[in-house]
């Protein structure tokens, strides 16, 4: 299937969505900070024959509103709810990586009636992390923008599939390749994660949950263990050889894990997670 752009507007903010069509149960894909909906293209193609797949450019990212006035966690969550309502996505499975996974978790916690199940890829309650804004800000400031070529961008952003995935989110403008986000918006989006943990929200999640971790990712073992202890309907899988960008580094493994999970929660929802 091919994807079509669908526009959702909420409170004056324009959100661009990649709608892959399909008539099966809905699946909504949420990218991480400074990412873009296109990171999910390969996975969306694999899922779309059986599921209605929508990948969202979240506020401040990709083709969505570049500089929204509000970048609170509540704003990101309200955007997801608006996407579900305006695109008629009834009780989807939310799949999110990194900050997109955090948004998916908060959406499920605050709106249990709207979400069928949750898949978190390198994401968790975390926090507080008082250094996160400075660390991410410093990393974004280190980007030699504009990149003089797409090849230069791929090499700088990690090379291989990871670099290609990140570089696909750039736009060619003038004499170079530029990010499709404002670094200040990215840093501001992490303000609450710098100051708070979200364990109460995780404890409020009632739907089945799959936690996918990279062997060399950023989620400490004790955090994932606590997540499973607090949520009897959650399972966790570590992907060997993968880091934080599991969806780009090991898309084959993630695809297999998600297909099994989606089959369990959509085709056979009574199995296993009672």
Protein backbone atom coordinates (compact mmCIF):
# COMPACT_ATOMS: atom_id res chain seq x y z
CA UNK A 1 0.00 0.00 0.00
CA UNK A 2 1.01 3.62 -0.44
CA UNK A 3 0.60 6.27 2.19
CA UNK A 4 -1.39 9.49 1.90
CA UNK A 5 -0.97 12.66 3.93
CA UNK A 6 -3.87 13.47 6.20
CA UNK A 7 -4.08 16.73 8.12
CA UNK A 8 -5.45 17.01 11.64
CA UNK A 9 -5.86 20.40 13.30
CA UNK A 10 -6.19 20.94 17.02
CA UNK A 11 -6.27 24.29 18.74
CA UNK A 12 -4.71 25.97 15.72
CA UNK A 13 -1.87 23.43 15.42
CA UNK A 14 -1.48 21.54 12.15
CA UNK A 15 -0.54 17.87 12.44
CA UNK A 16 0.56 15.86 9.41
CA UNK A 17 -0.21 12.13 9.40
CA UNK A 18 0.94 9.36 7.06
CA UNK A 19 -2.17 7.27 6.52
CA UNK A 20 -1.38 3.85 5.04
CA UNK A 21 -5.01 2.87 4.76
CA UNK A 22 -6.21 -0.64 5.40
CA UNK A 23 -9.42 -1.90 6.93
CA UNK A 24 -8.05 -3.86 9.88
CA UNK A 25 -7.68 -2.81 13.52
CA UNK A 26 -5.91 0.57 13.79
CA UNK A 27 -2.27 1.03 14.75
CA UNK A 28 -0.84 4.49 15.45
CA UNK A 29 2.93 5.04 15.25
CA UNK A 30 4.66 7.83 17.20
CA UNK A 31 8.31 8.76 16.52
CA UNK A 32 10.80 10.04 19.06
CA UNK A 33 12.17 13.50 19.77
CA UNK A 34 13.61 15.24 16.67
CA UNK A 35 12.30 12.35 14.56
CA UNK A 36 9.64 12.09 11.88
CA UNK A 37 6.82 9.84 10.75
CA UNK A 38 8.87 8.47 7.84
CA UNK A 39 11.02 6.50 10.28
CA UNK A 40 8.15 4.02 10.41
CA UNK A 41 7.73 3.55 6.63
CA UNK A 42 9.15 0.03 6.45
CA UNK A 43 7.15 -1.14 9.46
CA UNK A 44 3.99 0.55 8.18
CA UNK A 45 4.29 -1.25 4.83
CA UNK A 46 4.63 -4.57 6.64
CA UNK A 47 1.62 -3.95 8.88
CA UNK A 48 -0.76 -2.24 6.45
CA UNK A 49 -2.05 -5.39 4.68
CA UNK A 50 -3.64 -6.43 7.98
CA UNK A 51 -4.01 -3.19 9.94
CA UNK A 52 -5.07 0.42 9.45
CA UNK A 53 -1.72 2.14 10.03
CA UNK A 54 -1.24 5.85 10.72
CA UNK A 55 2.13 7.43 11.53
CA UNK A 56 2.05 10.92 13.03
CA UNK A 57 4.47 13.82 12.61
CA UNK A 58 4.10 15.13 16.15
CA UNK A 59 3.92 18.84 16.88
CA UNK A 60 7.20 20.59 16.18
CA UNK A 61 8.36 17.77 13.88
CA UNK A 62 8.38 16.90 10.20
CA UNK A 63 5.55 18.43 8.19
CA UNK A 64 3.57 19.40 11.28
CA UNK A 65 3.54 22.80 12.99
CA UNK A 66 7.20 23.78 13.28
CA UNK A 67 7.01 26.14 16.28
CA UNK A 68 3.89 25.45 18.34
CA UNK A 69 3.41 27.71 21.32
CA UNK A 70 2.78 24.80 23.68
CA UNK A 71 5.02 21.75 23.94
CA UNK A 72 3.81 20.28 27.22
CA UNK A 73 3.28 16.58 27.66
CA UNK A 74 -0.47 17.29 27.84
CA UNK A 75 -0.33 19.01 24.45
CA UNK A 76 1.33 16.01 22.82
CA UNK A 77 -1.26 13.70 24.37
CA UNK A 78 -4.17 15.90 23.29
CA UNK A 79 -2.79 15.79 19.74
CA UNK A 80 -2.91 11.98 19.74
CA UNK A 81 -6.50 12.04 20.99
CA UNK A 82 -7.39 14.50 18.21
CA UNK A 83 -5.80 12.21 15.61
CA UNK A 84 -7.84 9.26 16.89
CA UNK A 85 -11.06 11.25 16.82
CA UNK A 86 -10.61 13.05 13.50
CA UNK A 87 -9.33 10.01 11.59
CA UNK A 88 -11.90 7.70 13.21
CA UNK A 89 -9.35 5.35 14.73
CA UNK A 90 -11.35 3.28 17.21
CA UNK A 91 -9.30 1.84 20.07
CA UNK A 92 -5.94 1.60 18.32
CA UNK A 93 -2.75 -0.02 19.43
CA UNK A 94 -0.32 2.82 20.14
CA UNK A 95 3.31 2.16 19.20
CA UNK A 96 5.88 4.75 20.22
CA UNK A 97 9.65 5.04 20.30
CA UNK A 98 11.51 7.13 22.91
CA UNK A 99 9.55 10.35 23.59
CA UNK A 100 6.85 9.06 21.25
CA UNK A 101 6.55 6.03 23.49
CA UNK A 102 6.29 8.33 26.48
CA UNK A 103 3.45 10.17 24.75
CA UNK A 104 1.76 6.87 23.96
CA UNK A 105 2.06 5.79 27.60
CA UNK A 106 0.52 9.03 28.88
CA UNK A 107 -2.28 8.78 26.31
CA UNK A 108 -3.14 5.27 27.48
CA UNK A 109 -2.94 6.31 31.14
CA UNK A 110 -5.26 9.28 30.74
CA UNK A 111 -7.64 7.78 28.19
CA UNK A 112 -7.98 4.04 28.91
CA UNK A 113 -11.23 3.83 26.95
CA UNK A 114 -9.49 5.01 23.76
CA UNK A 115 -6.51 2.63 23.64
CA UNK A 116 -6.55 -1.12 22.98
CA UNK A 117 -2.90 -1.82 23.75
CA UNK A 118 0.50 -0.19 24.03
CA UNK A 119 3.93 -0.97 22.58
CA UNK A 120 6.81 1.06 24.00
CA UNK A 121 10.10 0.98 22.10
CA UNK A 122 12.95 2.22 24.28
CA UNK A 123 10.54 4.22 26.42
CA UNK A 124 9.37 4.21 30.02
CA UNK A 125 8.26 6.33 32.99
CA UNK A 126 11.85 7.44 33.65
CA UNK A 127 12.82 10.71 35.21
CA UNK A 128 13.50 13.03 36.61
CA UNK A 129 16.63 13.74 34.56
CA UNK A 130 17.83 17.26 35.27
CA UNK A 131 20.55 17.00 32.63
CA UNK A 132 18.43 15.82 29.73
CA UNK A 133 17.74 19.25 28.21
CA UNK A 134 21.39 20.28 28.28
CA UNK A 135 22.47 16.93 26.84
CA UNK A 136 19.96 16.99 23.98
CA UNK A 137 20.52 20.69 23.35
CA UNK A 138 24.26 20.16 23.13
CA UNK A 139 23.80 17.26 20.73
CA UNK A 140 21.51 19.24 18.44
CA UNK A 141 23.87 22.23 18.54
CA UNK A 142 26.67 19.95 17.35
CA UNK A 143 24.89 19.26 14.07
CA UNK A 144 26.90 21.00 11.29
CA UNK A 145 23.79 22.42 9.64
CA UNK A 146 23.19 22.82 6.91
CA UNK A 147 24.65 19.51 5.84
CA UNK A 148 26.30 20.00 2.46
CA UNK A 149 24.94 16.70 1.16
CA UNK A 150 22.58 13.95 2.23
CA UNK A 151 25.57 11.58 2.37
CA UNK A 152 27.29 13.88 4.85
CA UNK A 153 24.16 13.89 6.98
CA UNK A 154 23.88 10.09 6.93
CA UNK A 155 27.49 9.72 8.05
CA UNK A 156 27.18 12.31 10.83
CA UNK A 157 23.90 10.89 12.13
CA UNK A 158 25.30 7.42 12.67
CA UNK A 159 25.74 5.89 9.25
CA UNK A 160 23.97 2.80 7.97
CA UNK A 161 20.25 2.33 8.60
CA UNK A 162 20.27 4.69 11.59
CA UNK A 163 21.88 7.52 9.67
CA UNK A 164 19.57 6.92 6.71
CA UNK A 165 16.53 6.99 8.97
CA UNK A 166 17.51 10.28 10.59
CA UNK A 167 18.61 11.86 7.30
CA UNK A 168 15.27 11.01 5.71
CA UNK A 169 13.76 13.61 8.03
CA UNK A 170 15.87 16.44 6.60
CA UNK A 171 14.71 18.88 3.91
CA UNK A 172 16.80 20.21 1.05
CA UNK A 173 16.70 23.99 1.11
CA UNK A 174 19.01 26.44 -0.59
CA UNK A 175 22.54 25.08 -0.59
CA UNK A 176 22.13 22.35 1.97
CA UNK A 177 20.05 19.92 4.02
CA UNK A 178 18.28 21.19 7.14
CA UNK A 179 16.41 19.61 10.06
CA UNK A 180 12.64 19.92 9.96
CA UNK A 181 12.47 21.08 13.56
CA UNK A 182 13.55 23.97 15.75
CA UNK A 183 16.16 22.83 18.31
CA UNK A 184 14.67 25.11 20.97
CA UNK A 185 11.28 23.44 20.55
CA UNK A 186 12.95 20.05 21.01
CA UNK A 187 14.69 21.13 24.22
CA UNK A 188 11.53 22.78 25.59
CA UNK A 189 9.58 19.58 24.90
CA UNK A 190 11.70 17.83 27.54
CA UNK A 191 11.05 20.32 30.35
CA UNK A 192 8.68 18.08 32.29
CA UNK A 193 10.83 14.97 31.82
CA UNK A 194 13.72 16.91 33.33
CA UNK A 195 11.73 17.65 36.48
CA UNK A 196 9.33 14.75 37.01
CA UNK A 197 9.01 11.00 36.88
CA UNK A 198 5.84 9.43 35.48
CA UNK A 199 5.48 6.28 37.52
CA UNK A 200 1.97 7.21 38.68
CA UNK A 201 0.93 7.45 35.05
CA UNK A 202 2.46 4.08 34.26
CA UNK A 203 0.56 2.60 37.22
CA UNK A 204 -2.65 3.94 35.62
CA UNK A 205 -2.13 2.03 32.36
CA UNK A 206 -4.56 -0.90 32.30
CA UNK A 207 -4.24 -2.19 28.72
CA UNK A 208 -1.79 -4.89 27.56
CA UNK A 209 1.70 -3.49 27.03
CA UNK A 210 4.80 -4.65 25.21
CA UNK A 211 8.10 -3.06 26.24
CA UNK A 212 10.83 -3.41 23.61
CA UNK A 213 14.35 -2.56 24.76
CA UNK A 214 17.65 -2.34 22.94
CA UNK A 215 20.49 -4.33 24.50
CA UNK A 216 22.52 -1.12 24.50
CA UNK A 217 19.59 1.26 24.91
CA UNK A 218 18.90 3.97 27.47
CA UNK A 219 16.36 2.19 29.71
CA UNK A 220 18.15 0.79 32.79
CA UNK A 221 17.33 -2.83 33.73
CA UNK A 222 15.94 -1.74 37.08
CA UNK A 223 13.45 0.57 35.32
CA UNK A 224 12.12 -2.17 33.04
CA UNK A 225 11.93 -4.58 35.98
CA UNK A 226 9.91 -2.06 37.98
CA UNK A 227 7.62 -1.52 34.99
CA UNK A 228 6.82 -5.23 34.85
CA UNK A 229 6.31 -5.45 38.60
CA UNK A 230 3.77 -2.61 38.50
CA UNK A 231 1.90 -3.81 35.42
CA UNK A 232 0.84 -7.48 35.35
CA UNK A 233 -0.33 -7.17 31.72
CA UNK A 234 3.08 -6.02 30.47
CA UNK A 235 5.90 -8.05 28.96
CA UNK A 236 9.41 -6.94 28.03
CA UNK A 237 11.82 -8.08 25.31
CA UNK A 238 15.46 -7.05 24.85
CA UNK A 239 16.71 -6.92 21.25
CA UNK A 240 20.32 -8.16 21.00
CA UNK A 241 22.82 -5.82 19.40
CA UNK A 242 20.42 -2.87 19.28
CA UNK A 243 20.73 0.55 20.87
CA UNK A 244 18.12 3.26 21.34
CA UNK A 245 16.93 3.28 17.71
CA UNK A 246 15.68 -0.30 17.70
CA UNK A 247 13.17 0.47 14.94
CA UNK A 248 16.01 1.54 12.62
CA UNK A 249 18.73 -0.86 13.77
CA UNK A 250 16.70 -4.09 13.92
CA UNK A 251 13.46 -3.45 12.01
CA UNK A 252 13.11 -7.15 11.23
CA UNK A 253 13.07 -8.10 14.91
CA UNK A 254 10.71 -5.28 15.86
CA UNK A 255 8.36 -6.21 13.01
CA UNK A 256 8.19 -9.81 14.21
CA UNK A 257 7.61 -8.79 17.83
CA UNK A 258 4.86 -6.35 16.89
CA UNK A 259 3.09 -8.76 14.55
CA UNK A 260 2.92 -11.34 17.34
CA UNK A 261 1.76 -8.73 19.85
CA UNK A 262 -0.85 -7.28 17.48
CA UNK A 263 -2.18 -10.75 16.74
CA UNK A 264 -2.49 -11.38 20.46
CA UNK A 265 -4.33 -8.16 21.32
CA UNK A 266 -6.52 -7.83 18.21
CA UNK A 267 -7.23 -11.35 16.95
CA UNK A 268 -6.96 -13.30 20.21
CA UNK A 269 -7.43 -10.66 22.94
CA UNK A 270 -8.43 -13.21 25.57
CA UNK A 271 -5.12 -15.05 25.43
CA UNK A 272 -2.47 -14.74 28.04
CA UNK A 273 -3.02 -11.26 29.48
CA UNK A 274 -6.08 -11.79 31.61
